[in-house]
C-alpha atoms as a PDB file:
ATOM      1  CA  UNK A   1      18.502  -4.484 -18.139  1.00  0.00           C
ATOM      2  CA  UNK A   2      19.295  -7.440 -15.899  1.00  0.00           C
ATOM      3  CA  UNK A   3      16.993  -8.269 -12.991  1.00  0.00           C
ATOM      4  CA  UNK A   4      18.200  -8.477  -9.395  1.00  0.00           C
ATOM      5  CA  UNK A   5      17.339 -11.561  -7.294  1.00  0.00           C
ATOM      6  CA  UNK A   6      14.832  -9.668  -5.126  1.00  0.00           C
ATOM      7  CA  UNK A   7      13.094  -8.376  -8.295  1.00  0.00           C
ATOM      8  CA  UNK A   8      12.562 -11.969  -9.394  1.00  0.00           C
ATOM      9  CA  UNK A   9      11.218 -12.878  -5.939  1.00  0.00           C
ATOM     10  CA  UNK A  10       8.830  -9.940  -6.117  1.00  0.00           C
ATOM     11  CA  UNK A  11       7.473 -11.232  -9.436  1.00  0.00           C
ATOM     12  CA  UNK A  12       6.959 -14.648  -7.805  1.00  0.00           C
ATOM     13  CA  UNK A  13       4.799 -13.341  -4.937  1.00  0.00           C
ATOM     14  CA  UNK A  14       1.562 -15.313  -4.523  1.00  0.00           C
ATOM     15  CA  UNK A  15       2.856 -17.859  -7.006  1.00  0.00           C
ATOM     16  CA  UNK A  16       4.336 -21.336  -6.677  1.00  0.00           C
ATOM     17  CA  UNK A  17       8.033 -21.736  -5.842  1.00  0.00           C
ATOM     18  CA  UNK A  18      10.361 -24.580  -4.917  1.00  0.00           C
ATOM     19  CA  UNK A  19      12.894 -23.900  -2.166  1.00  0.00           C
ATOM     20  CA  UNK A  20      15.949 -26.120  -1.586  1.00  0.00           C
ATOM     21  CA  UNK A  21      17.666 -25.937   1.822  1.00  0.00           C
ATOM     22  CA  UNK A  22      21.271 -26.601   2.881  1.00  0.00           C
ATOM     23  CA  UNK A  23      20.262 -29.778   4.723  1.00  0.00           C
ATOM     24  CA  UNK A  24      18.917 -31.266   1.481  1.00  0.00           C
ATOM     25  CA  UNK A  25      15.218 -30.767   2.136  1.00  0.00           C
ATOM     26  CA  UNK A  26      13.013 -29.158  -0.520  1.00  0.00           C
ATOM     27  CA  UNK A  27       9.681 -27.387  -0.130  1.00  0.00           C
ATOM     28  CA  UNK A  28       7.001 -26.424  -2.645  1.00  0.00           C
ATOM     29  CA  UNK A  29       4.520 -23.689  -1.778  1.00  0.00           C
ATOM     30  CA  UNK A  30       3.069 -20.295  -2.609  1.00  0.00           C
ATOM     31  CA  UNK A  31       5.435 -17.417  -1.833  1.00  0.00           C
ATOM     32  CA  UNK A  32       3.555 -15.020   0.434  1.00  0.00           C
ATOM     33  CA  UNK A  33       6.431 -12.776   1.477  1.00  0.00           C
ATOM     34  CA  UNK A  34      10.170 -12.268   1.890  1.00  0.00           C
ATOM     35  CA  UNK A  35      12.660  -9.751   3.292  1.00  0.00           C
ATOM     36  CA  UNK A  36      16.137  -8.499   2.376  1.00  0.00           C
ATOM     37  CA  UNK A  37      17.695 -11.482   4.181  1.00  0.00           C
ATOM     38  CA  UNK A  38      15.630 -13.819   1.951  1.00  0.00           C
ATOM     39  CA  UNK A  39      13.611 -15.096   4.891  1.00  0.00           C
ATOM     40  CA  UNK A  40      10.536 -16.568   3.200  1.00  0.00           C
ATOM     41  CA  UNK A  41       6.896 -17.139   4.079  1.00  0.00           C
ATOM     42  CA  UNK A  42       5.320 -19.997   2.132  1.00  0.00           C
ATOM     43  CA  UNK A  43       1.661 -21.006   2.222  1.00  0.00           C
ATOM     44  CA  UNK A  44       0.125 -24.371   1.260  1.00  0.00           C
ATOM     45  CA  UNK A  45       3.598 -25.802   1.679  1.00  0.00           C
ATOM     46  CA  UNK A  46       4.587 -29.410   1.209  1.00  0.00           C
ATOM     47  CA  UNK A  47       7.936 -31.050   1.814  1.00  0.00           C
ATOM     48  CA  UNK A  48       9.157 -32.848  -1.297  1.00  0.00           C
ATOM     49  CA  UNK A  49      10.828 -36.185  -0.599  1.00  0.00           C
ATOM     50  CA  UNK A  50      12.422 -38.395  -3.232  1.00  0.00           C
ATOM     51  CA  UNK A  51      10.732 -41.765  -3.435  1.00  0.00           C
ATOM     52  CA  UNK A  52       8.167 -40.871  -0.748  1.00  0.00           C
ATOM     53  CA  UNK A  53       4.843 -39.094  -0.545  1.00  0.00           C
ATOM     54  CA  UNK A  54       5.081 -35.352   0.036  1.00  0.00           C
ATOM     55  CA  UNK A  55       4.267 -34.114   3.539  1.00  0.00           C
ATOM     56  CA  UNK A  56       1.784 -31.227   3.787  1.00  0.00           C
ATOM     57  CA  UNK A  57       2.917 -28.518   6.214  1.00  0.00           C
ATOM     58  CA  UNK A  58       0.637 -25.513   5.621  1.00  0.00           C
ATOM     59  CA  UNK A  59       2.228 -22.119   6.308  1.00  0.00           C
ATOM     60  CA  UNK A  60       5.968 -22.098   7.024  1.00  0.00           C
ATOM     61  CA  UNK A  61       8.702 -19.522   7.589  1.00  0.00           C
ATOM     62  CA  UNK A  62      12.097 -20.382   6.099  1.00  0.00           C
ATOM     63  CA  UNK A  63      15.184 -18.630   7.428  1.00  0.00           C
ATOM     64  CA  UNK A  64      17.122 -17.099   4.543  1.00  0.00           C
ATOM     65  CA  UNK A  65      20.557 -18.348   5.541  1.00  0.00           C
ATOM     66  CA  UNK A  66      19.356 -21.944   5.053  1.00  0.00           C
ATOM     67  CA  UNK A  67      18.269 -21.390   1.438  1.00  0.00           C
ATOM     68  CA  UNK A  68      20.387 -22.836  -1.376  1.00  0.00           C
ATOM     69  CA  UNK A  69      18.033 -21.814  -4.184  1.00  0.00           C
ATOM     70  CA  UNK A  70      14.513 -20.634  -4.961  1.00  0.00           C
ATOM     71  CA  UNK A  71      12.960 -21.709  -8.240  1.00  0.00           C
ATOM     72  CA  UNK A  72       9.897 -19.769  -9.474  1.00  0.00           C
END
């Protein structure tokens, strides 16, 4: 049986994920929670920048309509 996207997110709880946003930014952090709109709470988050050092942000909330993809 095929898994639904929210099932895969549920399996990724408390684990590392990479989130890419519409504006091109990418974040790496531990998925602490989500809702049906795919709003995300990430802990120990860092912004990934090509060719630059990553920027540590701590806990962040990402609005679901800005998400392009989530990679477990």
